[in-house]
Amino acid sequence: MTCDKAFDRYLGLDKFESVPLPVTLHLLACPSCRTAVRRITRAERSLAAPYAARRVPAEADPDPVVRAAMARINAAGLAFPDDLGEKGRVSLFRWLVSGLALAAGFAIVPFSDVGAWSRQAFGTGYLVSYFLLCGVAVTVWCGMFVGTNIDLFVKKFGITRMA
């Protein structure tokens, strides 16, 4: 599916309509479309919020002390950017490759020289600690994957704000 076709189908959806599988697969594989969908979602959320609850930008703040403090923070490079853009994202292809490399590494180690040495030195008792290490590594990888792509999962599973 091309980017134009996927984006047209996405924009044609109603507000709470689920995203079709081909469009979801395209969004998983295409970082530029995924970023565009994130931006559209952010813009829609900011427009849907009541005007009084919107955050006032630092430039519109009437207090000169606050403006000066924010300017010094930004000049020092201590402010976190609102949007990292394409540079701050890791493509899903890289996530997939790293996950497969992690799984392949854990599958190969028991049959390698390291595995043979561990069996000789510790007997089969090393398997418990090895499996715990595998479990912790996979859990950390999954947590990082979900944490960095949370907006994709929120959109896919229709999770709304609880508060």
Protein backbone atom coordinates (compact mmCIF):
# COMPACT_ATOMS: atom_id res chain seq x y z
CA MET A 1 0.00 0.00 0.00
CA THR A 2 1.36 3.41 -0.91
CA CYS A 3 1.66 6.27 1.55
CA ASP A 4 -0.95 8.36 -0.30
CA LYS A 5 -3.50 5.55 -0.34
CA ALA A 6 -2.95 4.64 3.32
CA PHE A 7 -3.14 8.27 4.41
CA ASP A 8 -6.33 8.85 2.38
CA ARG A 9 -7.96 5.80 3.97
CA TYR A 10 -6.87 6.98 7.42
CA LEU A 11 -8.24 10.48 6.87
CA GLY A 12 -11.52 9.00 5.60
CA LEU A 13 -12.21 7.28 8.93
CA ASP A 14 -14.78 8.59 11.38
CA LYS A 15 -13.59 9.77 14.79
CA PHE A 16 -14.01 6.51 16.74
CA GLU A 17 -13.85 4.10 13.81
CA SER A 18 -11.15 1.44 14.07
CA VAL A 19 -8.21 1.62 11.69
CA PRO A 20 -8.29 -1.12 9.01
CA LEU A 21 -5.55 -3.75 9.13
CA PRO A 22 -3.77 -2.71 5.87
CA VAL A 23 -3.56 0.90 7.07
CA THR A 24 -2.31 -0.25 10.49
CA LEU A 25 0.38 -2.40 8.86
CA HIS A 26 1.43 0.53 6.70
CA LEU A 27 1.64 2.80 9.77
CA LEU A 28 3.76 0.19 11.52
CA ALA A 29 6.19 0.08 8.61
CA CYS A 30 6.28 3.75 7.56
CA PRO A 31 7.79 6.23 10.06
CA SER A 32 6.83 9.31 8.03
CA CYS A 33 3.13 8.35 7.91
CA ARG A 34 3.22 7.40 11.59
CA THR A 35 4.68 10.81 12.44
CA ALA A 36 2.03 12.56 10.34
CA VAL A 37 -0.72 10.63 12.14
CA ARG A 38 0.81 11.61 15.50
CA ARG A 39 0.82 15.26 14.47
CA ILE A 40 -2.78 15.11 13.29
CA THR A 41 -3.81 13.45 16.55
CA ARG A 42 -2.01 16.11 18.61
CA ALA A 43 -3.58 18.91 16.59
CA GLU A 44 -7.05 17.42 16.95
CA ARG A 45 -6.59 17.01 20.71
CA SER A 46 -5.38 20.58 21.14
CA LEU A 47 -8.32 21.93 19.14
CA ALA A 48 -10.81 19.80 21.04
CA ALA A 49 -9.63 21.04 24.45
CA PRO A 50 -11.55 23.94 25.94
CA TYR A 51 -9.92 27.29 25.27
CA ALA A 52 -9.46 28.10 28.98
CA ALA A 53 -7.59 24.85 29.62
CA ARG A 54 -5.05 25.40 26.84
CA ARG A 55 -1.47 26.01 27.77
CA VAL A 56 -0.31 29.56 27.20
CA PRO A 57 2.90 29.68 25.15
CA ALA A 58 5.89 31.35 26.79
CA GLU A 59 5.87 34.14 24.18
CA ALA A 60 2.30 35.10 25.10
CA ASP A 61 2.99 35.18 28.83
CA PRO A 62 2.65 38.78 30.00
CA ASP A 63 5.13 38.39 32.86
CA PRO A 64 8.59 39.59 31.68
CA VAL A 65 10.36 37.67 34.45
CA VAL A 66 8.90 34.38 33.26
CA ARG A 67 9.74 35.22 29.62
CA ALA A 68 13.34 36.06 30.59
CA ALA A 69 13.70 32.85 32.63
CA MET A 70 12.33 30.71 29.81
CA ALA A 71 14.63 32.42 27.31
CA ARG A 72 17.66 31.63 29.51
CA ILE A 73 16.56 28.00 29.88
CA ASN A 74 16.11 27.64 26.12
CA ALA A 75 19.44 29.39 25.40
CA ALA A 76 21.26 27.05 27.78
CA GLY A 77 19.83 24.05 25.94
CA LEU A 78 18.04 22.73 29.02
CA ALA A 79 14.52 22.78 27.56
CA PHE A 80 13.15 19.54 26.19
CA PRO A 81 11.85 19.98 22.62
CA ASP A 82 8.12 19.48 22.13
CA ASP A 83 8.52 17.49 18.93
CA LEU A 84 11.59 15.45 18.13
CA GLY A 85 10.48 14.88 14.54
CA GLU A 86 11.94 12.11 12.43
CA LYS A 87 15.35 12.18 14.16
CA GLY A 88 13.93 11.18 17.55
CA ARG A 89 12.08 8.12 16.32
CA VAL A 90 13.27 4.57 15.79
CA SER A 91 11.63 2.84 12.84
CA LEU A 92 9.65 -0.31 13.48
CA PHE A 93 11.96 -2.18 11.13
CA ARG A 94 14.85 -1.48 13.52
CA TRP A 95 12.73 -2.61 16.46
CA LEU A 96 11.93 -5.83 14.62
CA VAL A 97 15.58 -6.46 13.72
CA SER A 98 16.76 -5.80 17.28
CA GLY A 99 14.06 -8.09 18.71
CA LEU A 100 14.96 -10.88 16.33
CA ALA A 101 18.66 -10.41 17.12
CA LEU A 102 17.88 -10.60 20.84
CA ALA A 103 15.84 -13.79 20.40
CA ALA A 104 18.42 -15.37 18.07
CA GLY A 105 21.23 -14.53 20.48
CA PHE A 106 19.46 -16.18 23.38
CA ALA A 107 18.67 -19.22 21.23
CA ILE A 108 22.28 -19.61 20.01
CA VAL A 109 24.19 -19.08 23.28
CA PRO A 110 23.34 -22.47 24.89
CA PHE A 111 24.79 -24.27 21.85
CA SER A 112 27.91 -22.11 21.57
CA ASP A 113 31.26 -22.39 23.36
CA VAL A 114 29.94 -20.16 26.13
CA GLY A 115 27.04 -22.55 26.70
CA ALA A 116 29.35 -25.58 26.71
CA TRP A 117 31.69 -23.88 29.18
CA SER A 118 28.75 -22.92 31.43
CA ARG A 119 27.41 -26.49 31.42
CA GLN A 120 30.87 -27.82 32.26
CA ALA A 121 31.55 -25.25 35.00
CA PHE A 122 28.10 -25.02 36.62
CA GLY A 123 26.19 -28.05 35.40
CA THR A 124 22.59 -27.51 34.41
CA GLY A 125 22.14 -25.02 37.28
CA TYR A 126 23.19 -22.16 35.03
CA LEU A 127 19.95 -22.56 33.06
CA VAL A 128 17.86 -20.91 35.79
CA SER A 129 19.92 -17.74 35.81
CA TYR A 130 20.18 -17.81 32.00
CA PHE A 131 16.41 -18.04 31.59
CA LEU A 132 15.93 -15.24 34.13
CA LEU A 133 18.37 -13.10 32.16
CA CYS A 134 16.45 -13.86 28.95
CA GLY A 135 13.14 -13.00 30.61
CA VAL A 136 14.42 -9.69 31.99
CA ALA A 137 15.99 -8.71 28.64
CA VAL A 138 12.81 -9.50 26.69
CA THR A 139 10.68 -7.66 29.27
CA VAL A 140 12.90 -4.56 29.04
CA TRP A 141 12.84 -4.70 25.23
CA CYS A 142 9.04 -5.02 25.16
CA GLY A 143 8.64 -2.21 27.69
CA MET A 144 10.85 0.10 25.65
CA PHE A 145 9.01 -0.83 22.44
CA VAL A 146 5.58 -0.17 23.90
CA GLY A 147 6.75 2.98 25.70
CA THR A 148 8.19 4.57 22.58
CA ASN A 149 5.24 3.58 20.38
CA ILE A 150 2.44 4.09 22.90
CA ASP A 151 0.42 6.37 20.63
CA LEU A 152 0.21 3.60 18.05
CA PHE A 153 -1.18 1.17 20.65
CA VAL A 154 -3.59 3.76 22.04
CA LYS A 155 -4.97 4.36 18.55
CA LYS A 156 -5.07 0.65 17.67
CA PHE A 157 -6.85 -0.53 20.81
CA GLY A 158 -9.04 2.56 21.26
CA ILE A 159 -7.81 3.36 24.77
CA THR A 160 -9.21 6.67 25.98
CA ARG A 161 -8.14 8.84 28.85
CA MET A 162 -9.41 7.69 32.25
CA ALA A 163 -9.15 10.99 34.11
